[in-house]
Amino acid sequence: MNTHLEHSGSPFAILPGFRRNRRLIVEMTKREIKKRYQGSIFGLAWAFINPILMLAVYSFVFTVIFQRRWGVSENESPIDFPLLLFAGLIIFSIFSEAMNRSPRLIVGNVNYVKKVIFPLEILTWVSVGVTIFHALINLAILLVVQLLFKGFFPVTMFLLPLVLLPAVLLSLGISWFLSSLGTYFRDISQLLGFFTTFLMFTSAVFYPLSGVSEKYQKWFKLNPIALIIDESRKLLIFGQYPDWSSIGILMLASALAAFIGFWWFQKTRKGFADVL
């Protein structure tokens, strides 16, 4: 078998490749989710238990101990701060999980590289699919808690997929790029821990984007993750419509990032077998 076959790096090959391998992607995503909870007593229930416990801790620490408020509305309730914080962490986790898992995607699946003809690019779809699965569970918990404590959730939440699509595209592009880079340079995964922490504190996860000093706000707005988090909170918590012009620009930039990441992966994959 020739493991050095040429693979199209054209952006127009992304969707056809996904459609062609969609059943395999779904099955592998299910397997990865099951593997994560395999052997535990509660199994898949941990996917619900962990975020509920996390939200409970945030609510206690920030509303009872620190008595923090978000500070963007006079009618703010005590539950708003943990909900806004939780919403930010949910969106950020889509990026951080995909990013941190990426350098080990190829290295951890050597058999797919050397022994069988396998569409390696779908490993990124699987990785991002797992993060989306957990994000959807967390979003469901967020909405249930909001319904219980506030008696409603905004109808604008149904627009959330339009805001999350750039997040998915950006995660795919980053994952394709880092999974390739991590195959050749193993130190990448060591650096990502620090970079993810830095990114979390500069992505308006723990504070409103509007609360950043005007001197630095324009730089924060260049961070696509901060913008997606801010627009998602508008839809989920405040019941406001997003800034469609910003979302449109972000969509184009994220699609470009996905295309570049895919092109890089396809052009560099021919050397994977040699370094593993």
Protein backbone atom coordinates (compact mmCIF):
# COMPACT_ATOMS: atom_id res chain seq x y z
CA MET A 1 0.00 0.00 0.00
CA ASN A 2 1.24 3.48 -0.81
CA THR A 3 0.86 5.74 2.21
CA HIS A 4 2.09 8.79 0.27
CA LEU A 5 -0.91 9.27 -2.00
CA GLU A 6 -1.66 12.83 -2.98
CA HIS A 7 -4.65 14.31 -1.24
CA SER A 8 -6.55 17.34 -2.40
CA GLY A 9 -5.92 20.43 -0.33
CA SER A 10 -8.65 22.38 -2.08
CA PRO A 11 -11.21 23.97 0.26
CA PHE A 12 -13.89 22.56 -2.05
CA ALA A 13 -12.86 19.07 -0.92
CA ILE A 14 -13.86 19.67 2.72
CA LEU A 15 -17.65 19.24 2.45
CA PRO A 16 -17.55 16.37 -0.11
CA GLY A 17 -15.10 14.59 2.18
CA PHE A 18 -17.40 15.11 5.15
CA ARG A 19 -20.44 13.82 3.24
CA ARG A 20 -18.53 10.80 1.96
CA ASN A 21 -17.31 9.84 5.44
CA ARG A 22 -20.20 11.12 7.56
CA ARG A 23 -21.24 7.69 8.85
CA LEU A 24 -17.70 6.86 9.86
CA ILE A 25 -17.37 10.26 11.56
CA VAL A 26 -20.57 9.71 13.54
CA GLU A 27 -19.58 6.20 14.63
CA MET A 28 -16.07 7.26 15.63
CA THR A 29 -17.46 10.24 17.55
CA LYS A 30 -19.80 7.93 19.46
CA ARG A 31 -16.90 5.61 20.21
CA GLU A 32 -14.73 8.45 21.49
CA ILE A 33 -17.52 9.66 23.78
CA LYS A 34 -18.09 6.15 25.15
CA LYS A 35 -14.35 5.62 25.62
CA ARG A 36 -14.09 8.77 27.73
CA TYR A 37 -16.54 7.39 30.31
CA GLN A 38 -15.73 3.72 29.92
CA GLY A 39 -15.20 1.89 33.21
CA SER A 40 -16.84 4.56 35.39
CA ILE A 41 -19.84 3.62 37.52
CA PHE A 42 -22.12 6.35 36.21
CA GLY A 43 -20.84 6.18 32.64
CA LEU A 44 -22.27 8.80 30.30
CA ALA A 45 -24.14 10.40 33.20
CA TRP A 46 -20.85 12.13 34.09
CA ALA A 47 -21.33 14.28 30.99
CA PHE A 48 -24.28 15.83 32.86
CA ILE A 49 -23.01 15.55 36.45
CA ASN A 50 -19.71 17.40 35.88
CA PRO A 51 -21.19 20.60 34.40
CA ILE A 52 -23.97 20.67 37.01
CA LEU A 53 -21.39 20.45 39.81
CA MET A 54 -19.26 23.06 38.08
CA LEU A 55 -22.20 25.48 37.75
CA ALA A 56 -23.09 24.91 41.43
CA VAL A 57 -19.52 25.75 42.49
CA TYR A 58 -19.46 28.90 40.35
CA SER A 59 -22.80 30.01 41.76
CA PHE A 60 -21.65 29.55 45.36
CA VAL A 61 -18.18 31.06 44.98
CA PHE A 62 -19.08 34.11 42.91
CA THR A 63 -22.52 34.98 44.29
CA VAL A 64 -22.20 33.94 47.94
CA ILE A 65 -18.51 34.33 48.79
CA PHE A 66 -17.39 37.12 46.46
CA GLN A 67 -20.89 38.56 45.81
CA ARG A 68 -19.85 39.45 42.29
CA ARG A 69 -22.09 41.11 39.75
CA TRP A 70 -21.62 41.35 35.98
CA GLY A 71 -22.32 45.07 36.07
CA VAL A 72 -24.04 45.59 32.72
CA SER A 73 -27.64 45.87 33.91
CA GLU A 74 -29.41 47.46 36.89
CA ASN A 75 -31.91 44.58 36.96
CA GLU A 76 -29.19 41.95 37.31
CA SER A 77 -30.12 38.97 39.49
CA PRO A 78 -27.65 36.96 41.65
CA ILE A 79 -27.83 34.00 39.24
CA ASP A 80 -26.78 36.10 36.25
CA PHE A 81 -23.05 36.13 37.02
CA PRO A 82 -22.62 32.32 37.23
CA LEU A 83 -24.82 31.88 34.15
CA LEU A 84 -22.78 34.40 32.15
CA LEU A 85 -19.53 32.85 33.36
CA PHE A 86 -20.78 29.35 32.55
CA ALA A 87 -21.89 30.46 29.08
CA GLY A 88 -18.43 31.89 28.40
CA LEU A 89 -16.73 28.71 29.54
CA ILE A 90 -19.00 26.57 27.35
CA ILE A 91 -18.06 28.50 24.22
CA PHE A 92 -14.40 28.66 25.17
CA SER A 93 -14.32 24.89 25.78
CA ILE A 94 -15.16 24.29 22.10
CA PHE A 95 -11.86 25.91 21.18
CA SER A 96 -9.75 24.76 24.12
CA GLU A 97 -10.70 21.07 23.91
CA ALA A 98 -10.19 20.91 20.15
CA MET A 99 -6.93 22.83 20.45
CA ASN A 100 -5.45 20.74 23.26
CA ARG A 101 -6.41 17.40 21.70
CA SER A 102 -5.09 18.31 18.26
CA PRO A 103 -1.32 17.70 18.62
CA ARG A 104 -1.99 14.07 19.65
CA LEU A 105 -4.59 13.24 17.00
CA ILE A 106 -2.16 11.71 14.51
CA VAL A 107 0.46 10.58 17.02
CA GLY A 108 -2.22 8.73 18.98
CA ASN A 109 -3.64 6.98 15.91
CA VAL A 110 -0.53 5.51 14.30
CA ASN A 111 -2.41 2.48 12.96
CA TYR A 112 -4.58 4.70 10.81
CA VAL A 113 -1.47 6.25 9.28
CA LYS A 114 0.60 3.13 8.61
CA LYS A 115 -1.62 0.12 8.27
CA VAL A 116 -4.81 1.06 6.46
CA ILE A 117 -6.05 3.46 3.82
CA PHE A 118 -7.85 5.89 6.05
CA PRO A 119 -9.10 9.47 5.56
CA LEU A 120 -6.96 11.01 8.30
CA GLU A 121 -8.60 14.40 7.94
CA ILE A 122 -11.78 13.09 9.57
CA LEU A 123 -9.99 12.67 12.91
CA THR A 124 -10.39 16.42 13.28
CA TRP A 125 -14.12 16.16 12.57
CA VAL A 126 -14.35 13.49 15.28
CA SER A 127 -12.39 15.57 17.80
CA VAL A 128 -14.51 18.67 17.20
CA GLY A 129 -17.66 16.51 17.22
CA VAL A 130 -16.85 15.29 20.74
CA THR A 131 -16.40 18.86 21.99
CA ILE A 132 -19.68 19.94 20.37
CA PHE A 133 -21.48 17.01 22.06
CA HIS A 134 -20.32 18.16 25.50
CA ALA A 135 -21.00 21.82 24.67
CA LEU A 136 -24.60 20.96 23.73
CA ILE A 137 -25.11 19.15 27.04
CA ASN A 138 -23.72 22.14 28.92
CA LEU A 139 -25.95 24.52 26.95
CA ALA A 140 -29.00 22.39 27.79
CA ILE A 141 -28.09 22.56 31.49
CA LEU A 142 -27.57 26.32 31.24
CA LEU A 143 -31.03 26.81 29.71
CA VAL A 144 -32.73 24.54 32.27
CA VAL A 145 -31.12 26.41 35.16
CA GLN A 146 -32.10 29.72 33.59
CA LEU A 147 -35.67 28.50 33.23
CA LEU A 148 -35.79 27.31 36.86
CA PHE A 149 -34.33 30.46 38.41
CA LYS A 150 -35.55 33.17 36.01
CA GLY A 151 -38.73 31.53 34.72
CA PHE A 152 -37.82 31.95 31.03
CA PHE A 153 -35.07 31.78 28.46
CA PRO A 154 -34.81 34.22 25.54
CA VAL A 155 -36.19 33.19 22.15
CA THR A 156 -33.01 34.63 20.68
CA MET A 157 -31.29 31.41 21.81
CA PHE A 158 -32.56 29.78 18.62
CA LEU A 159 -30.14 31.98 16.67
CA LEU A 160 -27.18 30.51 18.55
CA PRO A 161 -26.20 28.07 15.74
CA LEU A 162 -25.44 31.09 13.50
CA VAL A 163 -22.97 32.37 16.10
CA LEU A 164 -21.51 28.95 16.86
CA LEU A 165 -20.82 28.09 13.21
CA PRO A 166 -17.75 30.37 13.10
CA ALA A 167 -16.58 28.70 16.33
CA VAL A 168 -16.83 25.27 14.69
CA LEU A 169 -15.04 26.40 11.53
CA LEU A 170 -12.27 28.06 13.50
CA SER A 171 -11.87 24.96 15.69
CA LEU A 172 -11.62 22.75 12.61
CA GLY A 173 -8.96 24.96 11.05
CA ILE A 174 -6.92 25.14 14.26
CA SER A 175 -7.25 21.39 14.80
CA TRP A 176 -6.13 20.49 11.26
CA PHE A 177 -3.14 22.79 11.54
CA LEU A 178 -2.04 21.73 15.04
CA SER A 179 -2.61 18.01 14.45
CA SER A 180 -0.19 18.21 11.54
CA LEU A 181 2.31 20.43 13.35
CA GLY A 182 2.16 18.26 16.48
CA THR A 183 3.12 15.21 14.45
CA TYR A 184 6.44 16.77 13.46
CA PHE A 185 7.07 18.88 16.58
CA ARG A 186 6.02 17.07 19.78
CA ASP A 187 6.78 20.12 21.97
CA ILE A 188 3.67 21.85 20.62
CA SER A 189 1.42 20.08 23.15
CA GLN A 190 3.62 21.31 26.01
CA LEU A 191 3.24 24.93 24.91
CA LEU A 192 -0.51 24.74 24.41
CA GLY A 193 -1.25 24.49 28.14
CA PHE A 194 0.17 27.95 28.76
CA PHE A 195 -1.31 29.38 25.56
CA THR A 196 -4.81 28.05 26.39
CA THR A 197 -4.66 29.64 29.85
CA PHE A 198 -3.49 32.94 28.36
CA LEU A 199 -6.25 32.78 25.76
CA MET A 200 -8.90 32.10 28.41
CA PHE A 201 -7.99 35.27 30.33
CA THR A 202 -7.97 37.38 27.16
CA SER A 203 -11.24 36.07 25.72
CA ALA A 204 -13.69 37.80 28.08
CA VAL A 205 -14.65 34.54 29.80
CA PHE A 206 -14.64 36.02 33.32
CA TYR A 207 -15.75 39.55 32.49
CA PRO A 208 -17.86 41.44 29.93
CA LEU A 209 -16.09 42.61 26.79
CA SER A 210 -17.61 46.05 27.37
CA GLY A 211 -15.82 46.18 30.72
CA VAL A 212 -12.38 46.23 29.12
CA SER A 213 -10.65 49.60 29.08
CA GLU A 214 -11.26 51.50 25.84
CA LYS A 215 -7.49 51.65 25.41
CA TYR A 216 -7.35 47.85 24.97
CA GLN A 217 -10.88 47.04 23.84
CA LYS A 218 -10.07 47.29 20.12
CA TRP A 219 -7.36 44.66 20.58
CA PHE A 220 -9.69 42.37 22.52
CA LYS A 221 -12.25 42.65 19.73
CA LEU A 222 -9.69 41.26 17.31
CA ASN A 223 -9.83 38.03 19.30
CA PRO A 224 -12.50 35.94 17.49
CA ILE A 225 -13.13 33.81 20.57
CA ALA A 226 -13.93 36.88 22.69
CA LEU A 227 -16.34 38.12 20.04
CA ILE A 228 -18.13 34.76 19.76
CA ILE A 229 -18.44 34.52 23.57
CA ASP A 230 -19.81 38.05 23.79
CA GLU A 231 -22.36 37.53 21.00
CA SER A 232 -23.42 34.15 22.46
CA ARG A 233 -24.14 35.74 25.83
CA LYS A 234 -26.35 38.31 24.14
CA LEU A 235 -28.45 35.52 22.68
CA LEU A 236 -28.52 33.17 25.65
CA ILE A 237 -28.77 35.48 28.65
CA PHE A 238 -29.71 39.01 27.62
CA GLY A 239 -32.16 38.19 24.82
CA GLN A 240 -30.40 40.60 22.45
CA TYR A 241 -29.70 40.16 18.76
CA PRO A 242 -26.06 39.83 17.76
CA ASP A 243 -24.06 42.31 15.73
CA TRP A 244 -24.70 40.73 12.32
CA SER A 245 -21.92 42.66 10.57
CA SER A 246 -19.37 41.35 13.08
CA ILE A 247 -20.76 37.82 12.74
CA GLY A 248 -20.55 38.05 8.94
CA ILE A 249 -16.91 39.14 9.03
CA LEU A 250 -16.15 36.47 11.61
CA MET A 251 -17.82 33.83 9.44
CA LEU A 252 -15.60 34.71 6.49
CA ALA A 253 -12.45 34.80 8.64
CA SER A 254 -13.30 31.45 10.28
CA ALA A 255 -14.02 29.82 6.92
CA LEU A 256 -10.65 31.10 5.69
CA ALA A 257 -8.97 29.65 8.80
CA ALA A 258 -10.66 26.28 8.15
CA PHE A 259 -9.53 26.31 4.50
CA ILE A 260 -5.94 27.16 5.43
CA GLY A 261 -5.83 24.53 8.17
CA PHE A 262 -7.23 21.89 5.83
CA TRP A 263 -4.81 22.83 3.04
CA TRP A 264 -1.85 22.66 5.44
CA PHE A 265 -2.95 19.24 6.76
CA GLN A 266 -3.39 17.77 3.29
CA LYS A 267 -0.05 19.10 2.06
CA THR A 268 1.93 17.83 5.06
CA ARG A 269 0.22 14.46 5.68
CA LYS A 270 2.42 12.61 3.21
CA GLY A 271 5.27 12.76 5.75
CA PHE A 272 3.29 11.45 8.73
CA ALA A 273 4.26 7.81 8.19
CA ASP A 274 7.95 8.74 8.07
CA VAL A 275 8.04 10.45 11.47
CA LEU A 276 5.80 8.04 13.41
